[in-house]
Amino acid sequence: MERLEFYRECICKFLTAEIFKEQENPDIENQLIFDKERDRYLLLDVGWQDHERIYACFIHLDIKIGKIWIQRNMTEVDIAEELVNMGVPKEDIIIGLLPPYQRPYTGYGTTDLATSA
């Protein structure tokens, strides 16, 4: 299987498992967004809790420049570790929610700062 297709499969499998852990309030819809054309993947909560509007992005993953970028993680799950356990090499996981100067110290991948928007 092509590497990028394998990464897409890992991300979708991971997020699909995560959505079943999140379903607690019937008034809040858990949404998975799989944009395979642009390689953007999100787990959202959308709905109402009492009189308060709920809209939250809990997990946001991208595939950019051939690597998986963890853009947001508002869960207790170590997404990078989960991806490694699925067979994704550490050097192909970028902790994008950290500033570029911190990424070399994570034990995961880094990129050229000029190409890592």
N, C-alpha and C. Protein backbone atom coordinates (compact mmCIF):
# COMPACT_ATOMS: atom_id res chain seq x y z
N MET A 1 0.85 -1.18 0.00
CA MET A 1 0.00 0.00 0.00
C MET A 1 0.90 1.24 0.00
N GLU A 2 0.52 2.20 -0.79
CA GLU A 2 1.25 3.46 -0.84
C GLU A 2 1.27 4.11 0.55
N ARG A 3 2.39 4.73 0.88
CA ARG A 3 2.60 5.31 2.21
C ARG A 3 1.50 6.30 2.59
N LEU A 4 1.16 7.26 1.70
CA LEU A 4 0.14 8.25 2.05
C LEU A 4 -1.23 7.61 2.24
N GLU A 5 -1.54 6.61 1.45
CA GLU A 5 -2.82 5.92 1.61
C GLU A 5 -2.85 5.18 2.95
N PHE A 6 -1.72 4.60 3.33
CA PHE A 6 -1.61 3.95 4.64
C PHE A 6 -1.83 4.97 5.76
N TYR A 7 -1.25 6.16 5.63
CA TYR A 7 -1.43 7.20 6.64
C TYR A 7 -2.89 7.62 6.73
N ARG A 8 -3.53 7.78 5.59
CA ARG A 8 -4.97 8.13 5.58
C ARG A 8 -5.79 7.06 6.30
N GLU A 9 -5.48 5.82 6.01
CA GLU A 9 -6.20 4.70 6.64
C GLU A 9 -5.99 4.71 8.16
N CYS A 10 -4.77 4.94 8.60
CA CYS A 10 -4.47 4.98 10.04
C CYS A 10 -5.25 6.11 10.72
N ILE A 11 -5.23 7.28 10.11
CA ILE A 11 -5.93 8.43 10.69
C ILE A 11 -7.43 8.16 10.79
N CYS A 12 -8.03 7.67 9.73
CA CYS A 12 -9.48 7.40 9.73
C CYS A 12 -9.83 6.32 10.75
N LYS A 13 -9.02 5.30 10.85
CA LYS A 13 -9.26 4.23 11.83
C LYS A 13 -9.16 4.78 13.25
N PHE A 14 -8.13 5.58 13.51
CA PHE A 14 -7.96 6.17 14.83
C PHE A 14 -9.14 7.07 15.20
N LEU A 15 -9.51 7.99 14.31
CA LEU A 15 -10.61 8.93 14.61
C LEU A 15 -11.94 8.21 14.76
N THR A 16 -12.18 7.20 13.97
CA THR A 16 -13.43 6.44 14.08
C THR A 16 -13.52 5.77 15.45
N ALA A 17 -12.42 5.23 15.95
CA ALA A 17 -12.41 4.64 17.29
C ALA A 17 -12.64 5.71 18.35
N GLU A 18 -12.06 6.89 18.16
CA GLU A 18 -12.20 7.97 19.14
C GLU A 18 -13.62 8.50 19.24
N ILE A 19 -14.33 8.53 18.13
CA ILE A 19 -15.69 9.11 18.16
C ILE A 19 -16.61 8.27 19.04
N PHE A 20 -16.40 6.98 19.11
CA PHE A 20 -17.25 6.14 19.94
C PHE A 20 -16.97 6.34 21.43
N LYS A 21 -15.81 6.85 21.78
CA LYS A 21 -15.49 7.16 23.17
C LYS A 21 -16.15 8.45 23.62
N GLU A 22 -16.49 9.32 22.67
CA GLU A 22 -16.95 10.67 22.97
C GLU A 22 -18.47 10.79 23.14
N GLN A 23 -19.24 9.82 22.70
CA GLN A 23 -20.69 9.98 22.66
C GLN A 23 -21.30 9.86 24.05
N GLU A 24 -21.62 11.03 24.64
CA GLU A 24 -22.18 11.08 25.98
C GLU A 24 -23.52 11.81 26.02
N ASN A 25 -23.62 12.94 25.34
CA ASN A 25 -24.80 13.79 25.38
C ASN A 25 -25.55 13.66 24.05
N PRO A 26 -26.81 13.21 24.07
CA PRO A 26 -27.55 13.05 22.82
C PRO A 26 -27.84 14.36 22.08
N ASP A 27 -27.70 15.49 22.77
CA ASP A 27 -27.93 16.80 22.14
C ASP A 27 -26.68 17.35 21.46
N ILE A 28 -25.57 16.65 21.63
CA ILE A 28 -24.31 17.07 21.01
C ILE A 28 -23.89 15.99 20.01
N GLU A 29 -23.79 16.41 18.77
CA GLU A 29 -23.42 15.49 17.70
C GLU A 29 -21.90 15.45 17.55
N ASN A 30 -21.36 14.25 17.57
CA ASN A 30 -19.94 14.07 17.28
C ASN A 30 -19.80 13.90 15.78
N GLN A 31 -18.94 14.70 15.18
CA GLN A 31 -18.77 14.66 13.72
C GLN A 31 -17.33 14.33 13.37
N LEU A 32 -17.19 13.44 12.40
CA LEU A 32 -15.90 13.15 11.81
C LEU A 32 -15.85 13.82 10.45
N ILE A 33 -14.81 14.55 10.19
CA ILE A 33 -14.60 15.19 8.90
C ILE A 33 -13.37 14.56 8.28
N PHE A 34 -13.58 13.85 7.18
CA PHE A 34 -12.48 13.23 6.43
C PHE A 34 -12.41 13.90 5.07
N ASP A 35 -11.52 14.86 4.91
CA ASP A 35 -11.30 15.53 3.62
C ASP A 35 -10.05 14.92 3.01
N LYS A 36 -10.24 13.80 2.32
CA LYS A 36 -9.10 13.07 1.76
C LYS A 36 -8.49 13.79 0.56
N GLU A 37 -9.23 14.69 -0.06
CA GLU A 37 -8.69 15.45 -1.18
C GLU A 37 -7.63 16.44 -0.69
N ARG A 38 -7.90 17.09 0.43
CA ARG A 38 -6.96 18.07 0.99
C ARG A 38 -6.18 17.51 2.18
N ASP A 39 -6.46 16.25 2.53
CA ASP A 39 -5.81 15.57 3.66
C ASP A 39 -5.97 16.32 4.97
N ARG A 40 -7.24 16.61 5.32
CA ARG A 40 -7.59 17.21 6.60
C ARG A 40 -8.60 16.30 7.30
N TYR A 41 -8.38 16.08 8.58
CA TYR A 41 -9.20 15.12 9.33
C TYR A 41 -9.49 15.72 10.70
N LEU A 42 -10.80 15.78 11.05
CA LEU A 42 -11.20 16.44 12.29
C LEU A 42 -12.24 15.63 13.05
N LEU A 43 -12.22 15.78 14.37
CA LEU A 43 -13.26 15.27 15.24
C LEU A 43 -13.87 16.48 15.93
N LEU A 44 -15.17 16.71 15.68
CA LEU A 44 -15.87 17.89 16.20
C LEU A 44 -17.03 17.48 17.09
N ASP A 45 -17.40 18.35 18.02
CA ASP A 45 -18.67 18.27 18.74
C ASP A 45 -19.48 19.48 18.32
N VAL A 46 -20.75 19.25 17.95
CA VAL A 46 -21.64 20.31 17.51
C VAL A 46 -23.01 20.07 18.13
N GLY A 47 -23.59 21.10 18.75
CA GLY A 47 -24.93 20.95 19.31
C GLY A 47 -25.20 21.96 20.40
N TRP A 48 -26.05 21.53 21.34
CA TRP A 48 -26.47 22.41 22.44
C TRP A 48 -26.40 21.67 23.76
N GLN A 49 -25.95 22.39 24.78
CA GLN A 49 -26.00 21.88 26.14
C GLN A 49 -26.75 22.92 26.95
N ASP A 50 -27.96 22.58 27.35
CA ASP A 50 -28.88 23.53 27.96
C ASP A 50 -29.08 24.69 26.99
N HIS A 51 -28.71 25.92 27.35
CA HIS A 51 -28.87 27.07 26.46
C HIS A 51 -27.55 27.53 25.84
N GLU A 52 -26.55 26.68 25.92
CA GLU A 52 -25.23 27.03 25.42
C GLU A 52 -24.91 26.28 24.14
N ARG A 53 -24.48 27.01 23.13
CA ARG A 53 -24.06 26.42 21.85
C ARG A 53 -22.71 25.74 22.04
N ILE A 54 -22.62 24.54 21.53
CA ILE A 54 -21.38 23.77 21.60
C ILE A 54 -20.83 23.62 20.18
N TYR A 55 -19.62 24.05 20.00
CA TYR A 55 -18.89 23.81 18.75
C TYR A 55 -17.43 23.71 19.15
N ALA A 56 -16.89 22.50 19.06
CA ALA A 56 -15.51 22.30 19.50
C ALA A 56 -14.81 21.32 18.57
N CYS A 57 -13.59 21.67 18.24
CA CYS A 57 -12.72 20.78 17.48
C CYS A 57 -11.78 20.13 18.48
N PHE A 58 -11.94 18.82 18.68
CA PHE A 58 -11.11 18.12 19.66
C PHE A 58 -9.82 17.58 19.06
N ILE A 59 -9.91 17.11 17.84
CA ILE A 59 -8.72 16.58 17.17
C ILE A 59 -8.70 17.10 15.74
N HIS A 60 -7.52 17.56 15.31
CA HIS A 60 -7.32 18.01 13.94
C HIS A 60 -5.99 17.45 13.48
N LEU A 61 -6.03 16.64 12.44
CA LEU A 61 -4.84 16.05 11.85
C LEU A 61 -4.80 16.41 10.38
N ASP A 62 -3.61 16.68 9.87
CA ASP A 62 -3.40 16.93 8.44
C ASP A 62 -2.31 16.01 7.94
N ILE A 63 -2.30 15.79 6.65
CA ILE A 63 -1.13 15.20 6.00
C ILE A 63 -0.58 16.29 5.09
N LYS A 64 0.64 16.74 5.43
CA LYS A 64 1.31 17.78 4.64
C LYS A 64 2.74 17.33 4.39
N ILE A 65 3.21 17.64 3.22
CA ILE A 65 4.56 17.29 2.78
C ILE A 65 4.94 15.86 3.17
N GLY A 66 3.96 14.95 3.02
CA GLY A 66 4.20 13.52 3.23
C GLY A 66 4.26 13.09 4.68
N LYS A 67 3.86 13.96 5.61
CA LYS A 67 3.91 13.63 7.02
C LYS A 67 2.57 13.93 7.68
N ILE A 68 2.29 13.22 8.77
CA ILE A 68 1.08 13.46 9.54
C ILE A 68 1.36 14.57 10.55
N TRP A 69 0.55 15.62 10.50
CA TRP A 69 0.67 16.76 11.40
C TRP A 69 -0.44 16.71 12.44
N ILE A 70 -0.08 16.71 13.71
CA ILE A 70 -1.06 16.81 14.78
C ILE A 70 -1.23 18.30 15.07
N GLN A 71 -2.35 18.84 14.60
CA GLN A 71 -2.61 20.29 14.69
C GLN A 71 -3.34 20.66 15.98
N ARG A 72 -4.16 19.73 16.48
CA ARG A 72 -4.91 19.99 17.71
C ARG A 72 -5.22 18.66 18.38
N ASN A 73 -5.06 18.64 19.69
CA ASN A 73 -5.43 17.47 20.47
C ASN A 73 -5.94 17.94 21.83
N MET A 74 -7.24 17.96 21.97
CA MET A 74 -7.87 18.38 23.22
C MET A 74 -8.39 17.15 23.97
N THR A 75 -7.70 16.03 23.82
CA THR A 75 -8.07 14.80 24.50
C THR A 75 -6.89 14.36 25.37
N GLU A 76 -7.09 13.31 26.12
CA GLU A 76 -6.04 12.74 26.96
C GLU A 76 -5.20 11.73 26.18
N VAL A 77 -5.59 11.43 24.96
CA VAL A 77 -4.94 10.41 24.15
C VAL A 77 -3.63 10.93 23.56
N ASP A 78 -2.60 10.12 23.61
CA ASP A 78 -1.33 10.46 22.96
C ASP A 78 -1.44 10.01 21.50
N ILE A 79 -1.89 10.92 20.65
CA ILE A 79 -2.16 10.59 19.25
C ILE A 79 -0.90 10.10 18.55
N ALA A 80 0.21 10.75 18.79
CA ALA A 80 1.46 10.34 18.14
C ALA A 80 1.80 8.89 18.49
N GLU A 81 1.68 8.55 19.75
CA GLU A 81 1.96 7.18 20.18
C GLU A 81 1.00 6.18 19.53
N GLU A 82 -0.26 6.55 19.44
CA GLU A 82 -1.25 5.67 18.79
C GLU A 82 -0.88 5.44 17.33
N LEU A 83 -0.46 6.50 16.64
CA LEU A 83 -0.07 6.35 15.24
C LEU A 83 1.18 5.49 15.09
N VAL A 84 2.14 5.64 15.98
CA VAL A 84 3.33 4.80 15.96
C VAL A 84 2.94 3.34 16.15
N ASN A 85 2.02 3.09 17.08
CA ASN A 85 1.56 1.72 17.32
C ASN A 85 0.87 1.12 16.10
N MET A 86 0.35 1.97 15.23
CA MET A 86 -0.29 1.50 14.00
C MET A 86 0.71 1.30 12.87
N GLY A 87 1.97 1.69 13.10
CA GLY A 87 3.00 1.47 12.09
C GLY A 87 3.53 2.71 11.41
N VAL A 88 3.11 3.89 11.85
CA VAL A 88 3.63 5.14 11.27
C VAL A 88 4.98 5.44 11.91
N PRO A 89 6.02 5.66 11.11
CA PRO A 89 7.33 5.99 11.69
C PRO A 89 7.30 7.33 12.43
N LYS A 90 8.02 7.40 13.56
CA LYS A 90 8.06 8.63 14.36
C LYS A 90 8.47 9.84 13.54
N GLU A 91 9.42 9.66 12.62
CA GLU A 91 9.92 10.80 11.84
C GLU A 91 8.88 11.34 10.87
N ASP A 92 7.78 10.61 10.66
CA ASP A 92 6.70 11.07 9.78
C ASP A 92 5.52 11.65 10.55
N ILE A 93 5.72 11.91 11.83
CA ILE A 93 4.69 12.54 12.66
C ILE A 93 5.24 13.87 13.15
N ILE A 94 4.54 14.95 12.83
CA ILE A 94 4.95 16.29 13.25
C ILE A 94 3.97 16.77 14.32
N ILE A 95 4.50 17.21 15.44
CA ILE A 95 3.65 17.76 16.50
C ILE A 95 3.43 19.24 16.17
N GLY A 96 2.50 19.49 15.26
CA GLY A 96 2.26 20.83 14.73
C GLY A 96 1.67 21.78 15.74
N LEU A 97 1.12 21.27 16.84
CA LEU A 97 0.55 22.16 17.85
C LEU A 97 1.64 22.76 18.73
N LEU A 98 2.89 22.33 18.54
CA LEU A 98 4.02 22.93 19.23
C LEU A 98 4.75 23.89 18.29
N PRO A 99 5.39 24.92 18.83
CA PRO A 99 6.16 25.83 17.97
C PRO A 99 7.34 25.08 17.32
N PRO A 100 7.74 25.51 16.14
CA PRO A 100 8.81 24.81 15.41
C PRO A 100 10.09 24.60 16.20
N TYR A 101 10.47 25.56 17.05
CA TYR A 101 11.72 25.41 17.80
C TYR A 101 11.65 24.29 18.85
N GLN A 102 10.45 23.87 19.25
CA GLN A 102 10.31 22.79 20.24
C GLN A 102 10.25 21.41 19.60
N ARG A 103 9.89 21.33 18.34
CA ARG A 103 9.67 20.04 17.69
C ARG A 103 10.89 19.12 17.68
N PRO A 104 12.12 19.62 17.53
CA PRO A 104 13.26 18.70 17.55
C PRO A 104 13.42 17.94 18.86
N TYR A 105 12.81 18.41 19.94
CA TYR A 105 12.95 17.80 21.25
C TYR A 105 11.82 16.81 21.58
N THR A 106 10.91 16.60 20.65
CA THR A 106 9.76 15.74 20.92
C THR A 106 10.03 14.25 20.69
N GLY A 107 11.06 13.94 19.93
CA GLY A 107 11.29 12.55 19.56
C GLY A 107 10.52 12.16 18.30
N TYR A 108 9.80 13.14 17.73
CA TYR A 108 9.06 12.91 16.49
C TYR A 108 9.68 13.74 15.39
N GLY A 109 9.03 13.78 14.23
CA GLY A 109 9.59 14.41 13.06
C GLY A 109 9.69 15.92 13.16
N THR A 110 10.55 16.45 12.30
CA THR A 110 10.69 17.89 12.13
C THR A 110 10.70 18.16 10.63
N THR A 111 10.55 19.41 10.28
CA THR A 111 10.58 19.80 8.87
C THR A 111 11.36 21.08 8.72
N ASP A 112 11.66 21.39 7.49
CA ASP A 112 12.28 22.67 7.19
C ASP A 112 11.28 23.76 7.53
N LEU A 113 11.67 24.72 8.34
CA LEU A 113 10.75 25.78 8.77
C LEU A 113 10.17 26.55 7.61
N ALA A 114 10.86 26.65 6.51
CA ALA A 114 10.36 27.41 5.35
C ALA A 114 9.18 26.72 4.70
N THR A 115 9.03 25.39 4.87
CA THR A 115 7.95 24.67 4.21
C THR A 115 6.90 24.18 5.18
N SER A 116 6.98 24.53 6.44
CA SER A 116 6.09 23.94 7.43
C SER A 116 5.05 24.92 7.96
N ALA A 117 4.19 25.41 7.10
CA ALA A 117 3.17 26.37 7.51
C ALA A 117 2.14 25.72 8.41
